[in-house]
């Protein structure tokens, strides 16, 4: 059971780090522009595309967004 707890804690930490890096990339791309050499690709465009895809799915998209928000806001 201890192994599962350690694995879960590690995944939570990795997810939080990935969200922090994504947020940083969005802010840098907004401030510097799409030509920022240390931010590969179009981060803001990708976030907008994912949002459009989830919004275009109607109720299924809303449920998916609700599940993601619930997972990230869950208390320990």
N, C-alpha and C. Protein backbone atom coordinates (compact mmCIF):
# COMPACT_ATOMS: atom_id res chain seq x y z
N UNK A 1 0.82 -1.19 0.00
CA UNK A 1 0.00 0.00 0.00
C UNK A 1 0.86 1.25 0.00
N UNK A 2 2.03 1.15 0.62
CA UNK A 2 2.95 2.30 0.67
C UNK A 2 3.46 2.65 -0.72
N UNK A 3 3.66 1.65 -1.56
CA UNK A 3 4.15 1.89 -2.92
C UNK A 3 3.12 2.68 -3.72
N UNK A 4 1.85 2.33 -3.57
CA UNK A 4 0.78 3.04 -4.29
C UNK A 4 0.70 4.48 -3.83
N UNK A 5 0.86 4.72 -2.53
CA UNK A 5 0.82 6.08 -2.00
C UNK A 5 1.98 6.90 -2.55
N UNK A 6 3.17 6.32 -2.60
CA UNK A 6 4.34 7.01 -3.13
C UNK A 6 4.16 7.32 -4.62
N UNK A 7 3.62 6.35 -5.36
CA UNK A 7 3.39 6.56 -6.79
C UNK A 7 2.36 7.66 -7.03
N UNK A 8 1.30 7.65 -6.23
CA UNK A 8 0.26 8.68 -6.35
C UNK A 8 0.81 10.06 -6.02
N UNK A 9 1.61 10.14 -4.95
CA UNK A 9 2.21 11.42 -4.58
C UNK A 9 3.16 11.93 -5.67
N UNK A 10 3.92 11.02 -6.26
CA UNK A 10 4.83 11.40 -7.33
C UNK A 10 4.07 11.91 -8.55
N UNK A 11 2.98 11.24 -8.90
CA UNK A 11 2.17 11.69 -10.04
C UNK A 11 1.54 13.05 -9.78
N UNK A 12 1.11 13.28 -8.54
CA UNK A 12 0.54 14.58 -8.19
C UNK A 12 1.59 15.68 -8.33
N UNK A 13 2.80 15.40 -7.86
CA UNK A 13 3.87 16.39 -7.97
C UNK A 13 4.23 16.66 -9.43
N UNK A 14 4.28 15.62 -10.25
CA UNK A 14 4.58 15.80 -11.67
C UNK A 14 3.48 16.60 -12.37
N UNK A 15 2.23 16.33 -12.02
CA UNK A 15 1.12 17.07 -12.62
C UNK A 15 1.17 18.54 -12.23
N UNK A 16 1.46 18.82 -10.97
CA UNK A 16 1.57 20.21 -10.53
C UNK A 16 2.72 20.92 -11.23
N UNK A 17 3.85 20.22 -11.40
CA UNK A 17 4.99 20.81 -12.09
C UNK A 17 4.66 21.08 -13.56
N UNK A 18 3.96 20.13 -14.20
CA UNK A 18 3.58 20.32 -15.60
C UNK A 18 2.62 21.50 -15.76
N UNK A 19 1.68 21.64 -14.83
CA UNK A 19 0.75 22.78 -14.90
C UNK A 19 1.48 24.10 -14.68
N UNK A 20 2.46 24.10 -13.79
CA UNK A 20 3.24 25.32 -13.55
C UNK A 20 4.05 25.69 -14.80
N UNK A 21 4.66 24.70 -15.45
CA UNK A 21 5.42 24.96 -16.68
C UNK A 21 4.50 25.44 -17.81
N UNK A 22 3.32 24.84 -17.91
CA UNK A 22 2.36 25.27 -18.93
C UNK A 22 1.93 26.71 -18.68
N UNK A 23 1.66 27.05 -17.44
CA UNK A 23 1.27 28.42 -17.10
C UNK A 23 2.40 29.40 -17.42
N UNK A 24 3.62 29.02 -17.08
CA UNK A 24 4.77 29.86 -17.39
C UNK A 24 4.94 30.05 -18.89
N UNK A 25 4.77 28.97 -19.65
CA UNK A 25 4.90 29.07 -21.11
C UNK A 25 3.84 29.99 -21.70
N UNK A 26 2.61 29.92 -21.18
CA UNK A 26 1.54 30.80 -21.67
C UNK A 26 1.88 32.26 -21.38
N UNK A 27 2.33 32.55 -20.16
CA UNK A 27 2.66 33.92 -19.79
C UNK A 27 3.83 34.43 -20.63
N UNK A 28 4.86 33.61 -20.80
CA UNK A 28 6.02 34.03 -21.61
C UNK A 28 5.61 34.30 -23.03
N UNK A 29 4.76 33.43 -23.60
CA UNK A 29 4.35 33.63 -24.98
C UNK A 29 3.49 34.87 -25.13
N UNK A 30 2.69 35.19 -24.13
CA UNK A 30 1.88 36.41 -24.19
C UNK A 30 2.78 37.64 -24.11
N UNK A 31 3.77 37.60 -23.21
CA UNK A 31 4.65 38.76 -23.03
C UNK A 31 5.65 38.93 -24.17
N UNK A 32 6.29 37.86 -24.60
CA UNK A 32 7.35 37.94 -25.60
C UNK A 32 6.81 37.78 -27.01
N UNK A 33 5.78 36.98 -27.17
CA UNK A 33 5.23 36.70 -28.48
C UNK A 33 5.53 35.28 -28.90
N UNK A 34 5.00 34.88 -30.04
CA UNK A 34 5.16 33.48 -30.47
C UNK A 34 6.59 33.14 -30.88
N UNK A 35 7.46 34.11 -31.02
CA UNK A 35 8.83 33.85 -31.43
C UNK A 35 9.79 33.62 -30.29
N UNK A 36 9.29 33.36 -29.10
CA UNK A 36 10.18 33.13 -27.96
C UNK A 36 11.00 31.86 -28.21
N UNK A 37 12.32 31.98 -28.24
CA UNK A 37 13.16 30.82 -28.60
C UNK A 37 13.14 29.70 -27.56
N UNK A 38 12.83 30.00 -26.32
CA UNK A 38 12.85 28.98 -25.28
C UNK A 38 11.48 28.38 -25.00
N UNK A 39 10.46 28.78 -25.78
CA UNK A 39 9.13 28.18 -25.67
C UNK A 39 8.79 27.60 -27.04
N UNK A 40 9.02 26.30 -27.22
CA UNK A 40 8.77 25.71 -28.54
C UNK A 40 7.28 25.60 -28.85
N UNK A 41 6.93 25.85 -30.08
CA UNK A 41 5.55 25.70 -30.51
C UNK A 41 4.66 26.85 -30.11
N UNK A 42 3.40 26.72 -30.44
CA UNK A 42 2.40 27.73 -30.14
C UNK A 42 1.56 27.25 -28.96
N UNK A 43 2.00 27.54 -27.76
CA UNK A 43 1.34 27.05 -26.54
C UNK A 43 -0.06 27.62 -26.42
N UNK A 44 -0.20 28.92 -26.62
CA UNK A 44 -1.51 29.56 -26.49
C UNK A 44 -2.47 29.00 -27.54
N UNK A 45 -2.00 28.82 -28.76
CA UNK A 45 -2.83 28.24 -29.82
C UNK A 45 -3.28 26.84 -29.49
N UNK A 46 -2.40 26.04 -28.90
CA UNK A 46 -2.76 24.67 -28.52
C UNK A 46 -3.80 24.67 -27.41
N UNK A 47 -3.66 25.55 -26.44
CA UNK A 47 -4.65 25.64 -25.36
C UNK A 47 -6.01 26.06 -25.92
N UNK A 48 -6.00 27.01 -26.85
CA UNK A 48 -7.25 27.45 -27.47
C UNK A 48 -7.88 26.33 -28.26
N UNK A 49 -7.08 25.55 -28.99
CA UNK A 49 -7.61 24.42 -29.77
C UNK A 49 -8.26 23.37 -28.88
N UNK A 50 -7.61 23.05 -27.76
CA UNK A 50 -8.19 22.06 -26.84
C UNK A 50 -9.49 22.58 -26.26
N UNK A 51 -9.53 23.86 -25.93
CA UNK A 51 -10.76 24.45 -25.39
C UNK A 51 -11.88 24.42 -26.42
N UNK A 52 -11.56 24.71 -27.67
CA UNK A 52 -12.58 24.66 -28.73
C UNK A 52 -13.09 23.25 -28.93
N UNK A 53 -12.17 22.26 -28.90
CA UNK A 53 -12.60 20.88 -29.08
C UNK A 53 -13.53 20.43 -27.95
N UNK A 54 -13.16 20.77 -26.71
CA UNK A 54 -14.03 20.38 -25.59
C UNK A 54 -15.36 21.12 -25.64
N UNK A 55 -15.34 22.39 -26.03
CA UNK A 55 -16.58 23.16 -26.12
C UNK A 55 -17.46 22.70 -27.27
N UNK A 56 -16.85 22.20 -28.34
CA UNK A 56 -17.61 21.73 -29.49
C UNK A 56 -18.31 20.41 -29.25
N UNK A 57 -17.93 19.71 -28.22
CA UNK A 57 -18.54 18.42 -27.93
C UNK A 57 -19.81 18.53 -27.10
N UNK A 58 -20.18 19.74 -26.72
CA UNK A 58 -21.42 19.94 -25.97
C UNK A 58 -21.34 19.42 -24.55
N UNK A 59 -22.30 18.59 -24.17
CA UNK A 59 -22.40 18.09 -22.80
C UNK A 59 -21.19 17.23 -22.45
N UNK A 60 -20.69 16.45 -23.40
CA UNK A 60 -19.54 15.59 -23.13
C UNK A 60 -18.32 16.45 -22.79
N UNK A 61 -18.15 17.56 -23.50
CA UNK A 61 -17.05 18.47 -23.21
C UNK A 61 -17.17 19.10 -21.84
N UNK A 62 -18.39 19.48 -21.48
CA UNK A 62 -18.61 20.06 -20.15
C UNK A 62 -18.32 19.05 -19.04
N UNK A 63 -18.73 17.82 -19.25
CA UNK A 63 -18.46 16.78 -18.26
C UNK A 63 -16.95 16.54 -18.15
N UNK A 64 -16.25 16.53 -19.29
CA UNK A 64 -14.80 16.33 -19.28
C UNK A 64 -14.11 17.46 -18.53
N UNK A 65 -14.54 18.69 -18.75
CA UNK A 65 -13.96 19.84 -18.04
C UNK A 65 -14.25 19.73 -16.55
N UNK A 66 -15.48 19.35 -16.20
CA UNK A 66 -15.83 19.20 -14.79
C UNK A 66 -14.97 18.14 -14.11
N UNK A 67 -14.73 17.01 -14.79
CA UNK A 67 -13.90 15.94 -14.23
C UNK A 67 -12.48 16.44 -14.02
N UNK A 68 -11.91 17.14 -15.00
CA UNK A 68 -10.55 17.66 -14.88
C UNK A 68 -10.43 18.66 -13.73
N UNK A 69 -11.39 19.56 -13.62
CA UNK A 69 -11.37 20.54 -12.53
C UNK A 69 -11.49 19.82 -11.19
N UNK A 70 -12.35 18.84 -11.12
CA UNK A 70 -12.52 18.10 -9.87
C UNK A 70 -11.23 17.38 -9.48
N UNK A 71 -10.55 16.79 -10.44
CA UNK A 71 -9.31 16.09 -10.15
C UNK A 71 -8.25 17.04 -9.63
N UNK A 72 -8.11 18.22 -10.26
CA UNK A 72 -7.07 19.14 -9.87
C UNK A 72 -7.39 19.88 -8.57
N UNK A 73 -8.65 19.99 -8.22
CA UNK A 73 -9.03 20.72 -6.99
C UNK A 73 -9.31 19.80 -5.81
N UNK A 74 -9.11 18.52 -5.99
CA UNK A 74 -9.40 17.56 -4.94
C UNK A 74 -8.48 17.77 -3.75
N UNK A 75 -9.04 17.73 -2.58
CA UNK A 75 -8.28 17.89 -1.34
C UNK A 75 -7.60 16.58 -0.99
N UNK A 76 -6.48 16.68 -0.29
CA UNK A 76 -5.76 15.46 0.10
C UNK A 76 -6.35 14.86 1.33
